[in-house]
Amino acid sequence: MEKPFKLPVLFQGKVIDLDARIVFLGYHYQFKIVVDQFELVFEYDERERFTVVHNESTDLIEKDLIVAITNALQGLESDFLIQAPKA
């Protein structure tokens, strides 16, 4: 199951709305965020923080923007987990 949404991200003093979706995969989920026509995948790491799954697209995106997206996701996570489907 997927749920699309707009992710407001504070970056360089401006709020930008990025196309995003949460993908539920059983007990696991990912956030997929579109930046400059590239899709970045974020998921939890062992420290229980969001991290980007590295691929060729991550090298093309500003690192500060990736950090800003991660911070925005941390704030939204609980809202989406409340709506997570039962596996």
PDB file of N, CA and C in Angstrom:
ATOM      1  N   MET A   1       0.846  -1.182   0.000  1.00  0.00           N
ATOM      2  CA  MET A   1       0.000   0.000   0.000  1.00  0.00           C
ATOM      3  C   MET A   1       0.889   1.241   0.000  1.00  0.00           C
ATOM      4  N   GLU A   2       0.470   2.248  -0.735  1.00  0.00           N
ATOM      5  CA  GLU A   2       1.192   3.511  -0.805  1.00  0.00           C
ATOM      6  C   GLU A   2       0.252   4.672  -0.515  1.00  0.00           C
ATOM      7  N   LYS A   3       0.807   5.718   0.044  1.00  0.00           N
ATOM      8  CA  LYS A   3       0.025   6.917   0.304  1.00  0.00           C
ATOM      9  C   LYS A   3       0.842   8.133  -0.127  1.00  0.00           C
ATOM     10  N   PRO A   4       0.438   8.819  -1.205  1.00  0.00           N
ATOM     11  CA  PRO A   4       1.169  10.011  -1.643  1.00  0.00           C
ATOM     12  C   PRO A   4       0.830  11.217  -0.765  1.00  0.00           C
ATOM     13  N   PHE A   5       1.777  12.148  -0.677  1.00  0.00           N
ATOM     14  CA  PHE A   5       1.571  13.380   0.075  1.00  0.00           C
ATOM     15  C   PHE A   5       2.633  14.390  -0.342  1.00  0.00           C
ATOM     16  N   LYS A   6       2.492  15.614   0.106  1.00  0.00           N
ATOM     17  CA  LYS A   6       3.493  16.665  -0.089  1.00  0.00           C
ATOM     18  C   LYS A   6       4.260  16.809   1.217  1.00  0.00           C
ATOM     19  N   LEU A   7       5.580  16.798   1.122  1.00  0.00           N
ATOM     20  CA  LEU A   7       6.418  16.938   2.312  1.00  0.00           C
ATOM     21  C   LEU A   7       6.985  18.356   2.352  1.00  0.00           C
ATOM     22  N   PRO A   8       6.567  19.175   3.328  1.00  0.00           N
ATOM     23  CA  PRO A   8       7.162  20.507   3.464  1.00  0.00           C
ATOM     24  C   PRO A   8       8.532  20.389   4.134  1.00  0.00           C
ATOM     25  N   VAL A   9       9.539  20.937   3.472  1.00  0.00           N
ATOM     26  CA  VAL A   9      10.919  20.844   3.958  1.00  0.00           C
ATOM     27  C   VAL A   9      11.489  22.253   4.066  1.00  0.00           C
ATOM     28  N   LEU A  10      12.036  22.588   5.235  1.00  0.00           N
ATOM     29  CA  LEU A  10      12.709  23.868   5.425  1.00  0.00           C
ATOM     30  C   LEU A  10      14.143  23.715   4.944  1.00  0.00           C
ATOM     31  N   PHE A  11      14.495  24.460   3.888  1.00  0.00           N
ATOM     32  CA  PHE A  11      15.828  24.355   3.296  1.00  0.00           C
ATOM     33  C   PHE A  11      16.298  25.737   2.869  1.00  0.00           C
ATOM     34  N   GLN A  12      17.427  26.161   3.396  1.00  0.00           N
ATOM     35  CA  GLN A  12      18.021  27.463   3.104  1.00  0.00           C
ATOM     36  C   GLN A  12      17.047  28.603   3.357  1.00  0.00           C
ATOM     37  N   GLY A  13      16.316  28.505   4.461  1.00  0.00           N
ATOM     38  CA  GLY A  13      15.410  29.555   4.875  1.00  0.00           C
ATOM     39  C   GLY A  13      14.071  29.585   4.158  1.00  0.00           C
ATOM     40  N   LYS A  14      13.831  28.622   3.267  1.00  0.00           N
ATOM     41  CA  LYS A  14      12.565  28.562   2.538  1.00  0.00           C
ATOM     42  C   LYS A  14      11.918  27.205   2.743  1.00  0.00           C
ATOM     43  N   VAL A  15      10.595  27.181   2.696  1.00  0.00           N
ATOM     44  CA  VAL A  15       9.869  25.910   2.762  1.00  0.00           C
ATOM     45  C   VAL A  15       9.601  25.462   1.330  1.00  0.00           C
ATOM     46  N   ILE A  16      10.043  24.254   1.012  1.00  0.00           N
ATOM     47  CA  ILE A  16       9.753  23.676  -0.295  1.00  0.00           C
ATOM     48  C   ILE A  16       8.874  22.445  -0.091  1.00  0.00           C
ATOM     49  N   ASP A  17       7.897  22.273  -0.963  1.00  0.00           N
ATOM     50  CA  ASP A  17       7.005  21.114  -0.908  1.00  0.00           C
ATOM     51  C   ASP A  17       7.491  20.080  -1.913  1.00  0.00           C
ATOM     52  N   LEU A  18       7.870  18.916  -1.407  1.00  0.00           N
ATOM     53  CA  LEU A  18       8.368  17.849  -2.263  1.00  0.00           C
ATOM     54  C   LEU A  18       7.315  16.757  -2.412  1.00  0.00           C
ATOM     55  N   ASP A  19       7.215  16.202  -3.614  1.00  0.00           N
ATOM     56  CA  ASP A  19       6.337  15.055  -3.830  1.00  0.00           C
ATOM     57  C   ASP A  19       6.903  13.866  -3.074  1.00  0.00           C
ATOM     58  N   ALA A  20       6.038  13.192  -2.343  1.00  0.00           N
ATOM     59  CA  ALA A  20       6.487  12.086  -1.509  1.00  0.00           C
ATOM     60  C   ALA A  20       5.410  11.022  -1.433  1.00  0.00           C
ATOM     61  N   ARG A  21       5.816   9.876  -0.951  1.00  0.00           N
ATOM     62  CA  ARG A  21       4.851   8.807  -0.665  1.00  0.00           C
ATOM     63  C   ARG A  21       5.443   7.908   0.402  1.00  0.00           C
ATOM     64  N   ILE A  22       4.541   7.358   1.186  1.00  0.00           N
ATOM     65  CA  ILE A  22       4.957   6.355   2.158  1.00  0.00           C
ATOM     66  C   ILE A  22       4.519   5.014   1.595  1.00  0.00           C
ATOM     67  N   VAL A  23       5.414   4.054   1.660  1.00  0.00           N
ATOM     68  CA  VAL A  23       5.146   2.718   1.137  1.00  0.00           C
ATOM     69  C   VAL A  23       5.183   1.755   2.310  1.00  0.00           C
ATOM     70  N   PHE A  24       4.061   1.079   2.556  1.00  0.00           N
ATOM     71  CA  PHE A  24       3.976   0.100   3.635  1.00  0.00           C
ATOM     72  C   PHE A  24       4.313  -1.276   3.073  1.00  0.00           C
ATOM     73  N   LEU A  25       5.275  -1.936   3.705  1.00  0.00           N
ATOM     74  CA  LEU A  25       5.746  -3.253   3.266  1.00  0.00           C
ATOM     75  C   LEU A  25       5.639  -4.212   4.448  1.00  0.00           C
ATOM     76  N   GLY A  26       4.437  -4.657   4.762  1.00  0.00           N
ATOM     77  CA  GLY A  26       4.246  -5.504   5.938  1.00  0.00           C
ATOM     78  C   GLY A  26       4.501  -4.691   7.196  1.00  0.00           C
ATOM     79  N   TYR A  27       5.466  -5.109   7.993  1.00  0.00           N
ATOM     80  CA  TYR A  27       5.815  -4.395   9.224  1.00  0.00           C
ATOM     81  C   TYR A  27       6.843  -3.307   8.977  1.00  0.00           C
ATOM     82  N   HIS A  28       7.295  -3.177   7.782  1.00  0.00           N
ATOM     83  CA  HIS A  28       8.335  -2.233   7.404  1.00  0.00           C
ATOM     84  C   HIS A  28       7.712  -1.166   6.507  1.00  0.00           C
ATOM     85  N   TYR A  29       8.283   0.013   6.495  1.00  0.00           N
ATOM     86  CA  TYR A  29       7.807   1.053   5.592  1.00  0.00           C
ATOM     87  C   TYR A  29       8.979   1.913   5.140  1.00  0.00           C
ATOM     88  N   GLN A  30       8.786   2.587   4.023  1.00  0.00           N
ATOM     89  CA  GLN A  30       9.785   3.498   3.473  1.00  0.00           C
ATOM     90  C   GLN A  30       9.082   4.789   3.072  1.00  0.00           C
ATOM     91  N   PHE A  31       9.832   5.869   3.128  1.00  0.00           N
ATOM     92  CA  PHE A  31       9.381   7.118   2.548  1.00  0.00           C
ATOM     93  C   PHE A  31      10.159   7.309   1.258  1.00  0.00           C
ATOM     94  N   LYS A  32       9.451   7.613   0.176  1.00  0.00           N
ATOM     95  CA  LYS A  32      10.085   7.869  -1.113  1.00  0.00           C
ATOM     96  C   LYS A  32       9.800   9.317  -1.479  1.00  0.00           C
ATOM     97  N   ILE A  33      10.865  10.084  -1.658  1.00  0.00           N
ATOM     98  CA  ILE A  33      10.780  11.525  -1.867  1.00  0.00           C
ATOM     99  C   ILE A  33      11.385  11.868  -3.227  1.00  0.00           C
ATOM    100  N   VAL A  34      10.693  12.678  -4.004  1.00  0.00           N
ATOM    101  CA  VAL A  34      11.195  13.092  -5.317  1.00  0.00           C
ATOM    102  C   VAL A  34      11.896  14.447  -5.186  1.00  0.00           C
ATOM    103  N   VAL A  35      13.166  14.470  -5.609  1.00  0.00           N
ATOM    104  CA  VAL A  35      13.976  15.688  -5.605  1.00  0.00           C
ATOM    105  C   VAL A  35      14.627  15.811  -6.978  1.00  0.00           C
ATOM    106  N   ASP A  36      14.339  16.900  -7.673  1.00  0.00           N
ATOM    107  CA  ASP A  36      14.937  17.137  -9.005  1.00  0.00           C
ATOM    108  C   ASP A  36      14.814  15.916  -9.907  1.00  0.00           C
ATOM    109  N   GLN A  37      13.644  15.329  -9.963  1.00  0.00           N
ATOM    110  CA  GLN A  37      13.322  14.172 -10.799  1.00  0.00           C
ATOM    111  C   GLN A  37      14.007  12.873 -10.353  1.00  0.00           C
ATOM    112  N   PHE A  38      14.654  12.874  -9.209  1.00  0.00           N
ATOM    113  CA  PHE A  38      15.248  11.665  -8.652  1.00  0.00           C
ATOM    114  C   PHE A  38      14.422  11.232  -7.446  1.00  0.00           C
ATOM    115  N   GLU A  39      14.247   9.932  -7.291  1.00  0.00           N
ATOM    116  CA  GLU A  39      13.522   9.426  -6.124  1.00  0.00           C
ATOM    117  C   GLU A  39      14.520   8.939  -5.085  1.00  0.00           C
ATOM    118  N   LEU A  40      14.427   9.532  -3.906  1.00  0.00           N
ATOM    119  CA  LEU A  40      15.262   9.117  -2.782  1.00  0.00           C
ATOM    120  C   LEU A  40      14.423   8.262  -1.846  1.00  0.00           C
ATOM    121  N   VAL A  41      15.009   7.195  -1.339  1.00  0.00           N
ATOM    122  CA  VAL A  41      14.313   6.282  -0.437  1.00  0.00           C
ATOM    123  C   VAL A  41      14.905   6.460   0.962  1.00  0.00           C
ATOM    124  N   PHE A  42      14.016   6.695   1.923  1.00  0.00           N
ATOM    125  CA  PHE A  42      14.419   6.857   3.318  1.00  0.00           C
ATOM    126  C   PHE A  42      13.797   5.745   4.142  1.00  0.00           C
ATOM    127  N   GLU A  43      14.583   5.183   5.058  1.00  0.00           N
ATOM    128  CA  GLU A  43      14.059   4.188   5.983  1.00  0.00           C
ATOM    129  C   GLU A  43      14.807   4.289   7.306  1.00  0.00           C
ATOM    130  N   TYR A  44      14.270   3.605   8.297  1.00  0.00           N
ATOM    131  CA  TYR A  44      14.884   3.605   9.623  1.00  0.00           C
ATOM    132  C   TYR A  44      16.204   2.851   9.615  1.00  0.00           C
ATOM    133  N   ASP A  45      17.160   3.370  10.393  1.00  0.00           N
ATOM    134  CA  ASP A  45      18.408   2.633  10.591  1.00  0.00           C
ATOM    135  C   ASP A  45      18.407   2.051  12.007  1.00  0.00           C
ATOM    136  N   GLU A  46      19.497   1.433  12.382  1.00  0.00           N
ATOM    137  CA  GLU A  46      19.572   0.772  13.701  1.00  0.00           C
ATOM    138  C   GLU A  46      19.515   1.759  14.861  1.00  0.00           C
ATOM    139  N   ARG A  47      19.746   3.059  14.598  1.00  0.00           N
ATOM    140  CA  ARG A  47      19.659   4.077  15.651  1.00  0.00           C
ATOM    141  C   ARG A  47      18.249   4.657  15.763  1.00  0.00           C
ATOM    142  N   GLU A  48      17.313   4.056  15.008  1.00  0.00           N
ATOM    143  CA  GLU A  48      15.927   4.509  14.982  1.00  0.00           C
ATOM    144  C   GLU A  48      15.803   5.944  14.490  1.00  0.00           C
ATOM    145  N   ARG A  49      16.583   6.252  13.467  1.00  0.00           N
ATOM    146  CA  ARG A  49      16.522   7.544  12.788  1.00  0.00           C
ATOM    147  C   ARG A  49      16.399   7.266  11.305  1.00  0.00           C
ATOM    148  N   PHE A  50      15.807   8.188  10.579  1.00  0.00           N
ATOM    149  CA  PHE A  50      15.714   8.002   9.141  1.00  0.00           C
ATOM    150  C   PHE A  50      17.051   8.240   8.474  1.00  0.00           C
ATOM    151  N   THR A  51      17.337   7.433   7.486  1.00  0.00           N
ATOM    152  CA  THR A  51      18.535   7.591   6.679  1.00  0.00           C
ATOM    153  C   THR A  51      18.172   7.320   5.230  1.00  0.00           C
ATOM    154  N   VAL A  52      18.913   7.938   4.327  1.00  0.00           N
ATOM    155  CA  VAL A  52      18.654   7.733   2.907  1.00  0.00           C
ATOM    156  C   VAL A  52      19.356   6.452   2.466  1.00  0.00           C
ATOM    157  N   VAL A  53      18.667   5.671   1.657  1.00  0.00           N
ATOM    158  CA  VAL A  53      19.268   4.473   1.079  1.00  0.00           C
ATOM    159  C   VAL A  53      20.137   4.944  -0.077  1.00  0.00           C
ATOM    160  N   HIS A  54      21.425   4.678   0.000  1.00  0.00           N
ATOM    161  CA  HIS A  54      22.364   5.213  -0.979  1.00  0.00           C
ATOM    162  C   HIS A  54      22.166   4.577  -2.354  1.00  0.00           C
ATOM    163  N   ASN A  55      22.113   5.420  -3.364  1.00  0.00           N
ATOM    164  CA  ASN A  55      22.126   4.976  -4.756  1.00  0.00           C
ATOM    165  C   ASN A  55      22.760   6.091  -5.585  1.00  0.00           C
ATOM    166  N   GLU A  56      22.800   5.944  -6.891  1.00  0.00           N
ATOM    167  CA  GLU A  56      23.473   6.951  -7.723  1.00  0.00           C
ATOM    168  C   GLU A  56      22.827   8.331  -7.613  1.00  0.00           C
ATOM    169  N   SER A  57      21.554   8.400  -7.294  1.00  0.00           N
ATOM    170  CA  SER A  57      20.866   9.685  -7.161  1.00  0.00           C
ATOM    171  C   SER A  57      21.329  10.467  -5.941  1.00  0.00           C
ATOM    172  N   THR A  58      21.681   9.779  -4.874  1.00  0.00           N
ATOM    173  CA  THR A  58      22.049  10.487  -3.641  1.00  0.00           C
ATOM    174  C   THR A  58      23.312  11.319  -3.829  1.00  0.00           C
ATOM    175  N   ASP A  59      24.187  10.934  -4.742  1.00  0.00           N
ATOM    176  CA  ASP A  59      25.406  11.700  -4.990  1.00  0.00           C
ATOM    177  C   ASP A  59      25.121  13.000  -5.736  1.00  0.00           C
ATOM    178  N   LEU A  60      23.951  13.101  -6.365  1.00  0.00           N
ATOM    179  CA  LEU A  60      23.602  14.272  -7.170  1.00  0.00           C
ATOM    180  C   LEU A  60      22.796  15.307  -6.395  1.00  0.00           C
ATOM    181  N   ILE A  61      22.380  14.967  -5.189  1.00  0.00           N
ATOM    182  CA  ILE A  61      21.544  15.848  -4.367  1.00  0.00           C
ATOM    183  C   ILE A  61      22.400  16.468  -3.268  1.00  0.00           C
ATOM    184  N   GLU A  62      22.178  17.760  -3.001  1.00  0.00           N
ATOM    185  CA  GLU A  62      22.935  18.442  -1.948  1.00  0.00           C
ATOM    186  C   GLU A  62      22.760  17.721  -0.610  1.00  0.00           C
ATOM    187  N   LYS A  63      23.855  17.500   0.079  1.00  0.00           N
ATOM    188  CA  LYS A  63      23.804  16.790   1.368  1.00  0.00           C
ATOM    189  C   LYS A  63      22.956  17.539   2.384  1.00  0.00           C
ATOM    190  N   ASP A  64      23.019  18.879   2.370  1.00  0.00           N
ATOM    191  CA  ASP A  64      22.208  19.660   3.312  1.00  0.00           C
ATOM    192  C   ASP A  64      20.715  19.468   3.052  1.00  0.00           C
ATOM    193  N   LEU A  65      20.331  19.266   1.798  1.00  0.00           N
ATOM    194  CA  LEU A  65      18.925  19.012   1.483  1.00  0.00           C
ATOM    195  C   LEU A  65      18.506  17.636   2.000  1.00  0.00           C
ATOM    196  N   ILE A  66      19.371  16.658   1.886  1.00  0.00           N
ATOM    197  CA  ILE A  66      19.067  15.323   2.419  1.00  0.00           C
ATOM    198  C   ILE A  66      18.866  15.392   3.929  1.00  0.00           C
ATOM    199  N   VAL A  67      19.704  16.164   4.613  1.00  0.00           N
ATOM    200  CA  VAL A  67      19.557  16.340   6.066  1.00  0.00           C
ATOM    201  C   VAL A  67      18.233  17.032   6.382  1.00  0.00           C
ATOM    202  N   ALA A  68      17.865  18.041   5.598  1.00  0.00           N
ATOM    203  CA  ALA A  68      16.605  18.755   5.824  1.00  0.00           C
ATOM    204  C   ALA A  68      15.402  17.830   5.613  1.00  0.00           C
ATOM    205  N   ILE A  69      15.482  16.969   4.607  1.00  0.00           N
ATOM    206  CA  ILE A  69      14.395  16.005   4.365  1.00  0.00           C
ATOM    207  C   ILE A  69      14.291  15.034   5.537  1.00  0.00           C
ATOM    208  N   THR A  70      15.425  14.549   5.999  1.00  0.00           N
ATOM    209  CA  THR A  70      15.439  13.629   7.144  1.00  0.00           C
ATOM    210  C   THR A  70      14.790  14.276   8.361  1.00  0.00           C
ATOM    211  N   ASN A  71      15.118  15.529   8.623  1.00  0.00           N
ATOM    212  CA  ASN A  71      14.523  16.239   9.758  1.00  0.00           C
ATOM    213  C   ASN A  71      13.011  16.383   9.593  1.00  0.00           C
ATOM    214  N   ALA A  72      12.568  16.678   8.379  1.00  0.00           N
ATOM    215  CA  ALA A  72      11.129  16.804   8.132  1.00  0.00           C
ATOM    216  C   ALA A  72      10.412  15.469   8.339  1.00  0.00           C
ATOM    217  N   LEU A  73      11.044  14.375   7.903  1.00  0.00           N
ATOM    218  CA  LEU A  73      10.440  13.049   8.079  1.00  0.00           C
ATOM    219  C   LEU A  73      10.337  12.668   9.547  1.00  0.00           C
ATOM    220  N   GLN A  74      11.331  13.001  10.338  1.00  0.00           N
ATOM    221  CA  GLN A  74      11.288  12.680  11.767  1.00  0.00           C
ATOM    222  C   GLN A  74      10.054  13.308  12.404  1.00  0.00           C
ATOM    223  N   GLY A  75       9.691  14.519  11.963  1.00  0.00           N
ATOM    224  CA  GLY A  75       8.526  15.196  12.523  1.00  0.00           C
ATOM    225  C   GLY A  75       7.204  14.612  12.063  1.00  0.00           C
ATOM    226  N   LEU A  76       7.178  13.998  10.877  1.00  0.00           N
ATOM    227  CA  LEU A  76       5.934  13.457  10.339  1.00  0.00           C
ATOM    228  C   LEU A  76       5.682  12.013  10.697  1.00  0.00           C
ATOM    229  N   GLU A  77       6.683  11.310  11.099  1.00  0.00           N
ATOM    230  CA  GLU A  77       6.590   9.861  11.246  1.00  0.00           C
ATOM    231  C   GLU A  77       5.405   9.405  12.077  1.00  0.00           C
ATOM    232  N   SER A  78       5.190   9.998  13.221  1.00  0.00           N
ATOM    233  CA  SER A  78       4.123   9.518  14.100  1.00  0.00           C
ATOM    234  C   SER A  78       2.750   9.708  13.454  1.00  0.00           C
ATOM    235  N   ASP A  79       2.574  10.765  12.658  1.00  0.00           N
ATOM    236  CA  ASP A  79       1.295  10.969  11.981  1.00  0.00           C
ATOM    237  C   ASP A  79       0.976   9.823  11.029  1.00  0.00           C
ATOM    238  N   PHE A  80       1.995   9.330  10.313  1.00  0.00           N
ATOM    239  CA  PHE A  80       1.772   8.261   9.347  1.00  0.00           C
ATOM    240  C   PHE A  80       1.644   6.906  10.017  1.00  0.00           C
ATOM    241  N   LEU A  81       2.347   6.679  11.093  1.00  0.00           N
ATOM    242  CA  LEU A  81       2.271   5.378  11.755  1.00  0.00           C
ATOM    243  C   LEU A  81       0.893   5.140  12.352  1.00  0.00           C
ATOM    244  N   ILE A  82       0.237   6.194  12.754  1.00  0.00           N
ATOM    245  CA  ILE A  82      -1.123   6.071  13.282  1.00  0.00           C
ATOM    246  C   ILE A  82      -2.037   5.506  12.190  1.00  0.00           C
ATOM    247  N   GLN A  83      -1.747   5.843  10.920  1.00  0.00           N
ATOM    248  CA  GLN A  83      -2.586   5.437   9.810  1.00  0.00           C
ATOM    249  C   GLN A  83      -2.059   4.177   9.115  1.00  0.00           C
ATOM    250  N   ALA A  84      -1.022   3.566   9.619  1.00  0.00           N
ATOM    251  CA  ALA A  84      -0.423   2.395   8.962  1.00  0.00           C
ATOM    252  C   ALA A  84      -1.425   1.243   8.904  1.00  0.00           C
ATOM    253  N   PRO A  85      -1.444   0.543   7.791  1.00  0.00           N
ATOM    254  CA  PRO A  85      -2.376  -0.598   7.685  1.00  0.00           C
ATOM    255  C   PRO A  85      -1.945  -1.736   8.588  1.00  0.00           C
ATOM    256  N   LYS A  86      -2.892  -2.540   8.993  1.00  0.00           N
ATOM    257  CA  LYS A  86      -2.567  -3.720   9.795  1.00  0.00           C
ATOM    258  C   LYS A  86      -1.987  -4.796   8.883  1.00  0.00           C
ATOM    259  N   ALA A  87      -0.862  -5.372   9.281  1.00  0.00           N
ATOM    260  CA  ALA A  87      -0.211  -6.403   8.452  1.00  0.00           C
ATOM    261  C   ALA A  87      -0.790  -7.770   8.748  1.00  0.00           C
TER     262      ALA A  87
END
